[in-house]
């Protein structure tokens, strides 16, 4: 699967999960540097926001998780809120078992 296909699949999956909050307009996955760059149109906002998310993949006996480690955003309050929230286990996003092996290949390239 090419990087374009991985970006498209990830964007579609996230848009489906986050549709009540807005829409991802641009997504660029950089697995080598373990980062995702996004441009998002949020509900109620007139200007899109830009985010860079540094991540790691956590594999446990119970599953595989996408774990954001650092978020930088064009809105300072979001960057500050993310810094406070990222220390909690709630920040872990479970990758469904059905796609975990494929997803890990692209997230850990």
PDB file of N, CA and C in Angstrom:
ATOM      1  N   UNK A   1       0.854  -1.184   0.000  1.00  0.00           N
ATOM      2  CA  UNK A   1       0.000   0.000   0.000  1.00  0.00           C
ATOM      3  C   UNK A   1       0.893   1.238   0.000  1.00  0.00           C
ATOM      4  N   UNK A   2       0.594   2.180  -0.843  1.00  0.00           N
ATOM      5  CA  UNK A   2       1.411   3.383  -0.933  1.00  0.00           C
ATOM      6  C   UNK A   2       1.080   4.353   0.193  1.00  0.00           C
ATOM      7  N   UNK A   3       1.953   5.354   0.356  1.00  0.00           N
ATOM      8  CA  UNK A   3       1.726   6.379   1.364  1.00  0.00           C
ATOM      9  C   UNK A   3       0.433   7.145   1.071  1.00  0.00           C
ATOM     10  N   UNK A   4       0.145   7.364  -0.209  1.00  0.00           N
ATOM     11  CA  UNK A   4      -1.092   8.066  -0.577  1.00  0.00           C
ATOM     12  C   UNK A   4      -2.300   7.255  -0.140  1.00  0.00           C
ATOM     13  N   UNK A   5      -2.259   5.961  -0.363  1.00  0.00           N
ATOM     14  CA  UNK A   5      -3.365   5.094   0.037  1.00  0.00           C
ATOM     15  C   UNK A   5      -3.498   5.049   1.559  1.00  0.00           C
ATOM     16  N   UNK A   6      -2.368   4.969   2.276  1.00  0.00           N
ATOM     17  CA  UNK A   6      -2.398   4.965   3.745  1.00  0.00           C
ATOM     18  C   UNK A   6      -2.983   6.271   4.265  1.00  0.00           C
ATOM     19  N   UNK A   7      -2.564   7.407   3.686  1.00  0.00           N
ATOM     20  CA  UNK A   7      -3.101   8.710   4.096  1.00  0.00           C
ATOM     21  C   UNK A   7      -4.605   8.777   3.858  1.00  0.00           C
ATOM     22  N   UNK A   8      -5.039   8.299   2.696  1.00  0.00           N
ATOM     23  CA  UNK A   8      -6.461   8.330   2.345  1.00  0.00           C
ATOM     24  C   UNK A   8      -7.274   7.452   3.285  1.00  0.00           C
ATOM     25  N   UNK A   9      -6.773   6.250   3.578  1.00  0.00           N
ATOM     26  CA  UNK A   9      -7.485   5.333   4.474  1.00  0.00           C
ATOM     27  C   UNK A   9      -7.564   5.896   5.890  1.00  0.00           C
ATOM     28  N   UNK A  10      -6.464   6.450   6.380  1.00  0.00           N
ATOM     29  CA  UNK A  10      -6.449   7.026   7.722  1.00  0.00           C
ATOM     30  C   UNK A  10      -7.380   8.231   7.805  1.00  0.00           C
ATOM     31  N   UNK A  11      -7.344   9.081   6.799  1.00  0.00           N
ATOM     32  CA  UNK A  11      -8.222  10.256   6.757  1.00  0.00           C
ATOM     33  C   UNK A  11      -9.695   9.840   6.763  1.00  0.00           C
ATOM     34  N   UNK A  12     -10.042   8.856   5.948  1.00  0.00           N
ATOM     35  CA  UNK A  12     -11.428   8.379   5.881  1.00  0.00           C
ATOM     36  C   UNK A  12     -11.868   7.785   7.218  1.00  0.00           C
ATOM     37  N   UNK A  13     -11.018   6.988   7.822  1.00  0.00           N
ATOM     38  CA  UNK A  13     -11.348   6.381   9.114  1.00  0.00           C
ATOM     39  C   UNK A  13     -11.542   7.406  10.209  1.00  0.00           C
ATOM     40  N   UNK A  14     -10.644   8.383  10.254  1.00  0.00           N
ATOM     41  CA  UNK A  14     -10.764   9.436  11.269  1.00  0.00           C
ATOM     42  C   UNK A  14     -11.978  10.316  11.011  1.00  0.00           C
ATOM     43  N   UNK A  15     -12.235  10.648   9.755  1.00  0.00           N
ATOM     44  CA  UNK A  15     -13.417  11.460   9.442  1.00  0.00           C
ATOM     45  C   UNK A  15     -14.693  10.749   9.870  1.00  0.00           C
ATOM     46  N   UNK A  16     -14.738   9.445   9.691  1.00  0.00           N
ATOM     47  CA  UNK A  16     -15.917   8.682  10.113  1.00  0.00           C
ATOM     48  C   UNK A  16     -16.095   8.756  11.634  1.00  0.00           C
ATOM     49  N   UNK A  17     -14.987   8.589  12.372  1.00  0.00           N
ATOM     50  CA  UNK A  17     -15.042   8.612  13.840  1.00  0.00           C
ATOM     51  C   UNK A  17     -15.332  10.003  14.399  1.00  0.00           C
ATOM     52  N   UNK A  18     -14.852  11.039  13.730  1.00  0.00           N
ATOM     53  CA  UNK A  18     -14.920  12.402  14.275  1.00  0.00           C
ATOM     54  C   UNK A  18     -15.948  13.297  13.594  1.00  0.00           C
ATOM     55  N   UNK A  19     -16.851  12.712  12.800  1.00  0.00           N
ATOM     56  CA  UNK A  19     -17.755  13.507  11.970  1.00  0.00           C
ATOM     57  C   UNK A  19     -18.601  14.503  12.759  1.00  0.00           C
ATOM     58  N   UNK A  20     -18.927  14.218  14.013  1.00  0.00           N
ATOM     59  CA  UNK A  20     -19.732  15.163  14.786  1.00  0.00           C
ATOM     60  C   UNK A  20     -18.934  16.414  15.180  1.00  0.00           C
ATOM     61  N   UNK A  21     -17.593  16.342  15.110  1.00  0.00           N
ATOM     62  CA  UNK A  21     -16.748  17.463  15.496  1.00  0.00           C
ATOM     63  C   UNK A  21     -16.277  18.291  14.312  1.00  0.00           C
ATOM     64  N   UNK A  22     -16.287  17.704  13.125  1.00  0.00           N
ATOM     65  CA  UNK A  22     -15.806  18.417  11.952  1.00  0.00           C
ATOM     66  C   UNK A  22     -15.271  17.452  10.918  1.00  0.00           C
ATOM     67  N   UNK A  23     -14.383  17.962  10.055  1.00  0.00           N
ATOM     68  CA  UNK A  23     -13.863  17.158   8.955  1.00  0.00           C
ATOM     69  C   UNK A  23     -12.377  17.432   8.745  1.00  0.00           C
ATOM     70  N   UNK A  24     -11.627  16.373   8.559  1.00  0.00           N
ATOM     71  CA  UNK A  24     -10.210  16.495   8.234  1.00  0.00           C
ATOM     72  C   UNK A  24     -10.114  16.814   6.744  1.00  0.00           C
ATOM     73  N   UNK A  25      -9.504  17.944   6.431  1.00  0.00           N
ATOM     74  CA  UNK A  25      -9.364  18.360   5.039  1.00  0.00           C
ATOM     75  C   UNK A  25      -8.052  17.864   4.441  1.00  0.00           C
ATOM     76  N   UNK A  26      -7.025  17.775   5.249  1.00  0.00           N
ATOM     77  CA  UNK A  26      -5.714  17.330   4.771  1.00  0.00           C
ATOM     78  C   UNK A  26      -5.078  16.480   5.865  1.00  0.00           C
ATOM     79  N   UNK A  27      -4.414  15.410   5.457  1.00  0.00           N
ATOM     80  CA  UNK A  27      -3.702  14.547   6.397  1.00  0.00           C
ATOM     81  C   UNK A  27      -2.447  14.048   5.715  1.00  0.00           C
ATOM     82  N   UNK A  28      -1.336  14.111   6.424  1.00  0.00           N
ATOM     83  CA  UNK A  28      -0.066  13.584   5.905  1.00  0.00           C
ATOM     84  C   UNK A  28       0.598  12.768   7.006  1.00  0.00           C
ATOM     85  N   UNK A  29       0.684  11.464   6.794  1.00  0.00           N
ATOM     86  CA  UNK A  29       1.312  10.549   7.731  1.00  0.00           C
ATOM     87  C   UNK A  29       2.791  10.424   7.386  1.00  0.00           C
ATOM     88  N   UNK A  30       3.653  10.641   8.386  1.00  0.00           N
ATOM     89  CA  UNK A  30       5.095  10.464   8.225  1.00  0.00           C
ATOM     90  C   UNK A  30       5.523   9.394   9.230  1.00  0.00           C
ATOM     91  N   UNK A  31       5.432   8.132   8.815  1.00  0.00           N
ATOM     92  CA  UNK A  31       5.713   7.016   9.718  1.00  0.00           C
ATOM     93  C   UNK A  31       7.174   6.998  10.162  1.00  0.00           C
ATOM     94  N   UNK A  32       8.073   7.423   9.297  1.00  0.00           N
ATOM     95  CA  UNK A  32       9.499   7.429   9.643  1.00  0.00           C
ATOM     96  C   UNK A  32       9.756   8.303  10.867  1.00  0.00           C
ATOM     97  N   UNK A  33       9.094   9.454  10.924  1.00  0.00           N
ATOM     98  CA  UNK A  33       9.252  10.383  12.051  1.00  0.00           C
ATOM     99  C   UNK A  33       8.142  10.242  13.082  1.00  0.00           C
ATOM    100  N   UNK A  34       7.270   9.245  12.869  1.00  0.00           N
ATOM    101  CA  UNK A  34       6.137   8.985  13.765  1.00  0.00           C
ATOM    102  C   UNK A  34       5.336  10.260  14.047  1.00  0.00           C
ATOM    103  N   UNK A  35       4.863  10.869  12.960  1.00  0.00           N
ATOM    104  CA  UNK A  35       4.039  12.071  13.108  1.00  0.00           C
ATOM    105  C   UNK A  35       2.931  12.096  12.055  1.00  0.00           C
ATOM    106  N   UNK A  36       1.868  12.816  12.396  1.00  0.00           N
ATOM    107  CA  UNK A  36       0.758  13.035  11.487  1.00  0.00           C
ATOM    108  C   UNK A  36       0.486  14.537  11.483  1.00  0.00           C
ATOM    109  N   UNK A  37       0.395  15.122  10.280  1.00  0.00           N
ATOM    110  CA  UNK A  37       0.059  16.538  10.128  1.00  0.00           C
ATOM    111  C   UNK A  37      -1.355  16.596   9.568  1.00  0.00           C
ATOM    112  N   UNK A  38      -2.209  17.388  10.221  1.00  0.00           N
ATOM    113  CA  UNK A  38      -3.617  17.470   9.839  1.00  0.00           C
ATOM    114  C   UNK A  38      -4.058  18.915   9.685  1.00  0.00           C
ATOM    115  N   UNK A  39      -5.011  19.129   8.805  1.00  0.00           N
ATOM    116  CA  UNK A  39      -5.736  20.393   8.708  1.00  0.00           C
ATOM    117  C   UNK A  39      -7.200  20.026   8.871  1.00  0.00           C
ATOM    118  N   UNK A  40      -7.856  20.624   9.866  1.00  0.00           N
ATOM    119  CA  UNK A  40      -9.196  20.213  10.249  1.00  0.00           C
ATOM    120  C   UNK A  40     -10.153  21.396  10.245  1.00  0.00           C
ATOM    121  N   UNK A  41     -11.327  21.189   9.653  1.00  0.00           N
ATOM    122  CA  UNK A  41     -12.420  22.165   9.746  1.00  0.00           C
ATOM    123  C   UNK A  41     -13.346  21.693  10.857  1.00  0.00           C
ATOM    124  N   UNK A  42     -13.379  22.427  11.966  1.00  0.00           N
ATOM    125  CA  UNK A  42     -14.201  22.045  13.107  1.00  0.00           C
ATOM    126  C   UNK A  42     -15.557  22.733  13.050  1.00  0.00           C
ATOM    127  N   UNK A  43     -16.562  22.043  13.545  1.00  0.00           N
ATOM    128  CA  UNK A  43     -17.908  22.591  13.607  1.00  0.00           C
ATOM    129  C   UNK A  43     -17.876  23.889  14.418  1.00  0.00           C
ATOM    130  N   UNK A  44     -18.477  24.941  13.874  1.00  0.00           N
ATOM    131  CA  UNK A  44     -18.545  26.217  14.576  1.00  0.00           C
ATOM    132  C   UNK A  44     -17.349  27.125  14.370  1.00  0.00           C
ATOM    133  N   UNK A  45     -16.307  26.634  13.723  1.00  0.00           N
ATOM    134  CA  UNK A  45     -15.118  27.436  13.464  1.00  0.00           C
ATOM    135  C   UNK A  45     -15.157  27.940  12.027  1.00  0.00           C
ATOM    136  N   UNK A  46     -14.672  29.143  11.803  1.00  0.00           N
ATOM    137  CA  UNK A  46     -14.664  29.700  10.455  1.00  0.00           C
ATOM    138  C   UNK A  46     -13.339  29.476   9.743  1.00  0.00           C
ATOM    139  N   UNK A  47     -12.305  29.131  10.497  1.00  0.00           N
ATOM    140  CA  UNK A  47     -10.974  28.901   9.935  1.00  0.00           C
ATOM    141  C   UNK A  47     -10.510  27.518  10.368  1.00  0.00           C
ATOM    142  N   UNK A  48      -9.886  26.787   9.464  1.00  0.00           N
ATOM    143  CA  UNK A  48      -9.393  25.457   9.822  1.00  0.00           C
ATOM    144  C   UNK A  48      -8.246  25.575  10.818  1.00  0.00           C
ATOM    145  N   UNK A  49      -8.024  24.505  11.557  1.00  0.00           N
ATOM    146  CA  UNK A  49      -6.887  24.454  12.476  1.00  0.00           C
ATOM    147  C   UNK A  49      -5.886  23.438  11.937  1.00  0.00           C
ATOM    148  N   UNK A  50      -4.631  23.670  12.238  1.00  0.00           N
ATOM    149  CA  UNK A  50      -3.554  22.788  11.806  1.00  0.00           C
ATOM    150  C   UNK A  50      -2.964  22.117  13.041  1.00  0.00           C
ATOM    151  N   UNK A  51      -2.736  20.824  12.935  1.00  0.00           N
ATOM    152  CA  UNK A  51      -2.187  20.046  14.040  1.00  0.00           C
ATOM    153  C   UNK A  51      -1.032  19.188  13.557  1.00  0.00           C
ATOM    154  N   UNK A  52      -0.048  19.014  14.418  1.00  0.00           N
ATOM    155  CA  UNK A  52       0.997  18.025  14.216  1.00  0.00           C
ATOM    156  C   UNK A  52       0.970  17.136  15.447  1.00  0.00           C
ATOM    157  N   UNK A  53       0.841  15.832  15.229  1.00  0.00           N
ATOM    158  CA  UNK A  53       0.759  14.869  16.326  1.00  0.00           C
ATOM    159  C   UNK A  53       1.942  13.912  16.221  1.00  0.00           C
ATOM    160  N   UNK A  54       2.771  13.906  17.245  1.00  0.00           N
ATOM    161  CA  UNK A  54       3.844  12.914  17.369  1.00  0.00           C
ATOM    162  C   UNK A  54       3.251  11.739  18.136  1.00  0.00           C
ATOM    163  N   UNK A  55       3.559  10.508  17.702  1.00  0.00           N
ATOM    164  CA  UNK A  55       2.914   9.348  18.305  1.00  0.00           C
ATOM    165  C   UNK A  55       3.881   8.184  18.477  1.00  0.00           C
ATOM    166  N   UNK A  56       3.396   7.186  19.206  1.00  0.00           N
ATOM    167  CA  UNK A  56       4.064   5.889  19.292  1.00  0.00           C
ATOM    168  C   UNK A  56       2.986   4.817  19.190  1.00  0.00           C
ATOM    169  N   UNK A  57       3.379   3.616  18.873  1.00  0.00           N
ATOM    170  CA  UNK A  57       2.479   2.480  18.830  1.00  0.00           C
ATOM    171  C   UNK A  57       2.779   1.619  20.052  1.00  0.00           C
ATOM    172  N   UNK A  58       1.747   1.291  20.801  1.00  0.00           N
ATOM    173  CA  UNK A  58       1.895   0.470  22.003  1.00  0.00           C
ATOM    174  C   UNK A  58       1.206  -0.870  21.767  1.00  0.00           C
ATOM    175  N   UNK A  59       1.977  -1.945  21.914  1.00  0.00           N
ATOM    176  CA  UNK A  59       1.435  -3.299  21.747  1.00  0.00           C
ATOM    177  C   UNK A  59       1.399  -3.955  23.117  1.00  0.00           C
ATOM    178  N   UNK A  60       0.210  -4.400  23.512  1.00  0.00           N
ATOM    179  CA  UNK A  60       0.043  -5.064  24.800  1.00  0.00           C
ATOM    180  C   UNK A  60      -0.643  -6.411  24.581  1.00  0.00           C
ATOM    181  N   UNK A  61      -0.830  -7.148  25.656  1.00  0.00           N
ATOM    182  CA  UNK A  61      -1.541  -8.426  25.574  1.00  0.00           C
ATOM    183  C   UNK A  61      -3.006  -8.210  25.193  1.00  0.00           C
ATOM    184  N   UNK A  62      -3.543  -7.035  25.502  1.00  0.00           N
ATOM    185  CA  UNK A  62      -4.967  -6.772  25.249  1.00  0.00           C
ATOM    186  C   UNK A  62      -5.236  -6.075  23.932  1.00  0.00           C
ATOM    187  N   UNK A  63      -4.192  -5.578  23.258  1.00  0.00           N
ATOM    188  CA  UNK A  63      -4.432  -4.922  21.983  1.00  0.00           C
ATOM    189  C   UNK A  63      -3.284  -4.056  21.515  1.00  0.00           C
ATOM    190  N   UNK A  64      -3.527  -3.352  20.425  1.00  0.00           N
ATOM    191  CA  UNK A  64      -2.547  -2.441  19.834  1.00  0.00           C
ATOM    192  C   UNK A  64      -3.153  -1.038  19.914  1.00  0.00           C
ATOM    193  N   UNK A  65      -2.334  -0.073  20.328  1.00  0.00           N
ATOM    194  CA  UNK A  65      -2.834   1.277  20.568  1.00  0.00           C
ATOM    195  C   UNK A  65      -2.000   2.323  19.855  1.00  0.00           C
ATOM    196  N   UNK A  66      -2.677   3.347  19.336  1.00  0.00           N
ATOM    197  CA  UNK A  66      -2.059   4.565  18.820  1.00  0.00           C
ATOM    198  C   UNK A  66      -2.014   5.502  20.018  1.00  0.00           C
ATOM    199  N   UNK A  67      -0.815   5.956  20.387  1.00  0.00           N
ATOM    200  CA  UNK A  67      -0.669   6.789  21.574  1.00  0.00           C
ATOM    201  C   UNK A  67      -0.049   8.133  21.178  1.00  0.00           C
ATOM    202  N   UNK A  68      -0.855   9.200  21.174  1.00  0.00           N
ATOM    203  CA  UNK A  68      -0.290  10.519  20.879  1.00  0.00           C
ATOM    204  C   UNK A  68       0.627  10.951  22.023  1.00  0.00           C
ATOM    205  N   UNK A  69       1.813  11.447  21.681  1.00  0.00           N
ATOM    206  CA  UNK A  69       2.772  11.860  22.705  1.00  0.00           C
ATOM    207  C   UNK A  69       2.936  13.364  22.779  1.00  0.00           C
ATOM    208  N   UNK A  70       2.767  14.030  21.658  1.00  0.00           N
ATOM    209  CA  UNK A  70       2.928  15.488  21.614  1.00  0.00           C
ATOM    210  C   UNK A  70       2.006  16.030  20.534  1.00  0.00           C
ATOM    211  N   UNK A  71       1.252  17.066  20.868  1.00  0.00           N
ATOM    212  CA  UNK A  71       0.370  17.708  19.907  1.00  0.00           C
ATOM    213  C   UNK A  71       0.733  19.186  19.846  1.00  0.00           C
ATOM    214  N   UNK A  72       0.952  19.663  18.632  1.00  0.00           N
ATOM    215  CA  UNK A  72       1.162  21.089  18.418  1.00  0.00           C
ATOM    216  C   UNK A  72       0.044  21.557  17.506  1.00  0.00           C
ATOM    217  N   UNK A  73      -0.561  22.686  17.848  1.00  0.00           N
ATOM    218  CA  UNK A  73      -1.737  23.148  17.135  1.00  0.00           C
ATOM    219  C   UNK A  73      -1.643  24.643  16.856  1.00  0.00           C
ATOM    220  N   UNK A  74      -2.317  25.058  15.800  1.00  0.00           N
ATOM    221  CA  UNK A  74      -2.356  26.474  15.472  1.00  0.00           C
ATOM    222  C   UNK A  74      -3.193  27.269  16.484  1.00  0.00           C
ATOM    223  N   UNK A  75      -3.937  26.570  17.342  1.00  0.00           N
ATOM    224  CA  UNK A  75      -4.660  27.200  18.452  1.00  0.00           C
ATOM    225  C   UNK A  75      -3.913  26.844  19.741  1.00  0.00           C
ATOM    226  N   UNK A  76      -3.320  27.842  20.376  1.00  0.00           N
ATOM    227  CA  UNK A  76      -2.473  27.596  21.543  1.00  0.00           C
ATOM    228  C   UNK A  76      -3.216  26.860  22.651  1.00  0.00           C
ATOM    229  N   UNK A  77      -4.485  27.163  22.865  1.00  0.00           N
ATOM    230  CA  UNK A  77      -5.212  26.511  23.957  1.00  0.00           C
ATOM    231  C   UNK A  77      -5.339  25.003  23.715  1.00  0.00           C
ATOM    232  N   UNK A  78      -5.417  24.592  22.468  1.00  0.00           N
ATOM    233  CA  UNK A  78      -5.500  23.160  22.174  1.00  0.00           C
ATOM    234  C   UNK A  78      -4.162  22.485  22.481  1.00  0.00           C
ATOM    235  N   UNK A  79      -3.072  23.138  22.136  1.00  0.00           N
ATOM    236  CA  UNK A  79      -1.745  22.609  22.455  1.00  0.00           C
ATOM    237  C   UNK A  79      -1.599  22.462  23.972  1.00  0.00           C
ATOM    238  N   UNK A  80      -2.019  23.477  24.719  1.00  0.00           N
ATOM    239  CA  UNK A  80      -1.915  23.437  26.180  1.00  0.00           C
ATOM    240  C   UNK A  80      -2.807  22.346  26.774  1.00  0.00           C
ATOM    241  N   UNK A  81      -4.029  22.220  26.284  1.00  0.00           N
ATOM    242  CA  UNK A  81      -4.942  21.182  26.775  1.00  0.00           C
ATOM    243  C   UNK A  81      -4.395  19.795  26.461  1.00  0.00           C
ATOM    244  N   UNK A  82      -3.867  19.622  25.267  1.00  0.00           N
ATOM    245  CA  UNK A  82      -3.311  18.326  24.880  1.00  0.00           C
ATOM    246  C   UNK A  82      -2.147  17.941  25.786  1.00  0.00           C
ATOM    247  N   UNK A  83      -1.292  18.915  26.125  1.00  0.00           N
ATOM    248  CA  UNK A  83      -0.169  18.626  27.024  1.00  0.00           C
ATOM    249  C   UNK A  83      -0.664  18.064  28.352  1.00  0.00           C
ATOM    250  N   UNK A  84      -1.759  18.594  28.857  1.00  0.00           N
ATOM    251  CA  UNK A  84      -2.301  18.134  30.139  1.00  0.00           C
ATOM    252  C   UNK A  84      -2.954  16.759  30.021  1.00  0.00           C
ATOM    253  N   UNK A  85      -3.591  16.481  28.888  1.00  0.00           N
ATOM    254  CA  UNK A  85      -4.339  15.234  28.722  1.00  0.00           C
ATOM    255  C   UNK A  85      -3.492  14.040  28.296  1.00  0.00           C
ATOM    256  N   UNK A  86      -2.366  14.277  27.655  1.00  0.00           N
ATOM    257  CA  UNK A  86      -1.606  13.177  27.070  1.00  0.00           C
ATOM    258  C   UNK A  86      -0.969  12.242  28.087  1.00  0.00           C
ATOM    259  N   UNK A  87      -0.896  12.638  29.330  1.00  0.00           N
ATOM    260  CA  UNK A  87      -0.337  11.759  30.346  1.00  0.00           C
ATOM    261  C   UNK A  87      -1.307  10.678  30.799  1.00  0.00           C
ATOM    262  N   UNK A  88      -2.569  10.779  30.427  1.00  0.00           N
ATOM    263  CA  UNK A  88      -3.567   9.811  30.894  1.00  0.00           C
ATOM    264  C   UNK A  88      -3.728   8.663  29.900  1.00  0.00           C
ATOM    265  N   UNK A  89      -4.180   7.524  30.404  1.00  0.00           N
ATOM    266  CA  UNK A  89      -4.428   6.377  29.524  1.00  0.00           C
ATOM    267  C   UNK A  89      -5.574   6.649  28.577  1.00  0.00           C
ATOM    268  N   UNK A  90      -6.400   7.642  28.866  1.00  0.00           N
ATOM    269  CA  UNK A  90      -7.530   7.975  27.997  1.00  0.00           C
ATOM    270  C   UNK A  90      -7.045   8.453  26.635  1.00  0.00           C
ATOM    271  N   UNK A  91      -5.796   8.882  26.552  1.00  0.00           N
ATOM    272  CA  UNK A  91      -5.257   9.379  25.290  1.00  0.00           C
ATOM    273  C   UNK A  91      -4.921   8.241  24.321  1.00  0.00           C
ATOM    274  N   UNK A  92      -4.889   7.007  24.821  1.00  0.00           N
ATOM    275  CA  UNK A  92      -4.610   5.857  23.950  1.00  0.00           C
ATOM    276  C   UNK A  92      -5.830   5.554  23.089  1.00  0.00           C
ATOM    277  N   UNK A  93      -5.597   5.292  21.815  1.00  0.00           N
ATOM    278  CA  UNK A  93      -6.684   4.953  20.894  1.00  0.00           C
ATOM    279  C   UNK A  93      -6.441   3.532  20.411  1.00  0.00           C
ATOM    280  N   UNK A  94      -7.369   2.642  20.739  1.00  0.00           N
ATOM    281  CA  UNK A  94      -7.202   1.243  20.348  1.00  0.00           C
ATOM    282  C   UNK A  94      -7.395   1.095  18.846  1.00  0.00           C
ATOM    283  N   UNK A  95      -6.478   0.374  18.226  1.00  0.00           N
ATOM    284  CA  UNK A  95      -6.584   0.057  16.803  1.00  0.00           C
ATOM    285  C   UNK A  95      -7.351  -1.256  16.720  1.00  0.00           C
ATOM    286  N   UNK A  96      -8.471  -1.290  16.004  1.00  0.00           N
ATOM    287  CA  UNK A  96      -9.262  -2.522  15.934  1.00  0.00           C
ATOM    288  C   UNK A  96      -8.411  -3.713  15.498  1.00  0.00           C
ATOM    289  N   UNK A  97      -8.628  -4.850  16.160  1.00  0.00           N
ATOM    290  CA  UNK A  97      -7.834  -6.052  15.906  1.00  0.00           C
ATOM    291  C   UNK A  97      -7.851  -6.463  14.437  1.00  0.00           C
ATOM    292  N   UNK A  98      -8.975  -6.246  13.765  1.00  0.00           N
ATOM    293  CA  UNK A  98      -9.112  -6.666  12.366  1.00  0.00           C
ATOM    294  C   UNK A  98      -8.135  -5.953  11.434  1.00  0.00           C
ATOM    295  N   UNK A  99      -7.704  -4.744  11.815  1.00  0.00           N
ATOM    296  CA  UNK A  99      -6.786  -3.993  10.948  1.00  0.00           C
ATOM    297  C   UNK A  99      -5.454  -3.683  11.619  1.00  0.00           C
ATOM    298  N   UNK A 100      -5.255  -4.155  12.834  1.00  0.00           N
ATOM    299  CA  UNK A 100      -4.057  -3.791  13.602  1.00  0.00           C
ATOM    300  C   UNK A 100      -2.760  -4.131  12.886  1.00  0.00           C
ATOM    301  N   UNK A 101      -2.649  -5.325  12.323  1.00  0.00           N
ATOM    302  CA  UNK A 101      -1.377  -5.711  11.696  1.00  0.00           C
ATOM    303  C   UNK A 101      -1.072  -4.844  10.479  1.00  0.00           C
ATOM    304  N   UNK A 102      -2.075  -4.515   9.705  1.00  0.00           N
ATOM    305  CA  UNK A 102      -1.868  -3.636   8.543  1.00  0.00           C
ATOM    306  C   UNK A 102      -1.556  -2.226   9.004  1.00  0.00           C
ATOM    307  N   UNK A 103      -2.316  -1.724   9.976  1.00  0.00           N
ATOM    308  CA  UNK A 103      -2.117  -0.358  10.454  1.00  0.00           C
ATOM    309  C   UNK A 103      -0.713  -0.174  11.012  1.00  0.00           C
ATOM    310  N   UNK A 104      -0.237  -1.145  11.781  1.00  0.00           N
ATOM    311  CA  UNK A 104       1.098  -1.050  12.381  1.00  0.00           C
ATOM    312  C   UNK A 104       2.176  -0.961  11.309  1.00  0.00           C
ATOM    313  N   UNK A 105       2.008  -1.673  10.210  1.00  0.00           N
ATOM    314  CA  UNK A 105       2.983  -1.611   9.121  1.00  0.00           C
ATOM    315  C   UNK A 105       3.168  -0.185   8.612  1.00  0.00           C
ATOM    316  N   UNK A 106       2.074   0.559   8.531  1.00  0.00           N
ATOM    317  CA  UNK A 106       2.150   1.914   7.998  1.00  0.00           C
ATOM    318  C   UNK A 106       2.509   2.945   9.054  1.00  0.00           C
ATOM    319  N   UNK A 107       2.134   2.694  10.299  1.00  0.00           N
ATOM    320  CA  UNK A 107       2.435   3.645  11.371  1.00  0.00           C
ATOM    321  C   UNK A 107       3.849   3.504  11.902  1.00  0.00           C
ATOM    322  N   UNK A 108       4.477   2.359  11.643  1.00  0.00           N
ATOM    323  CA  UNK A 108       5.836   2.124  12.127  1.00  0.00           C
ATOM    324  C   UNK A 108       6.857   1.981  11.010  1.00  0.00           C
ATOM    325  N   UNK A 109       6.545   2.414   9.823  1.00  0.00           N
ATOM    326  CA  UNK A 109       7.430   2.207   8.662  1.00  0.00           C
ATOM    327  C   UNK A 109       8.855   2.613   8.923  1.00  0.00           C
TER     328      UNK A 109
END
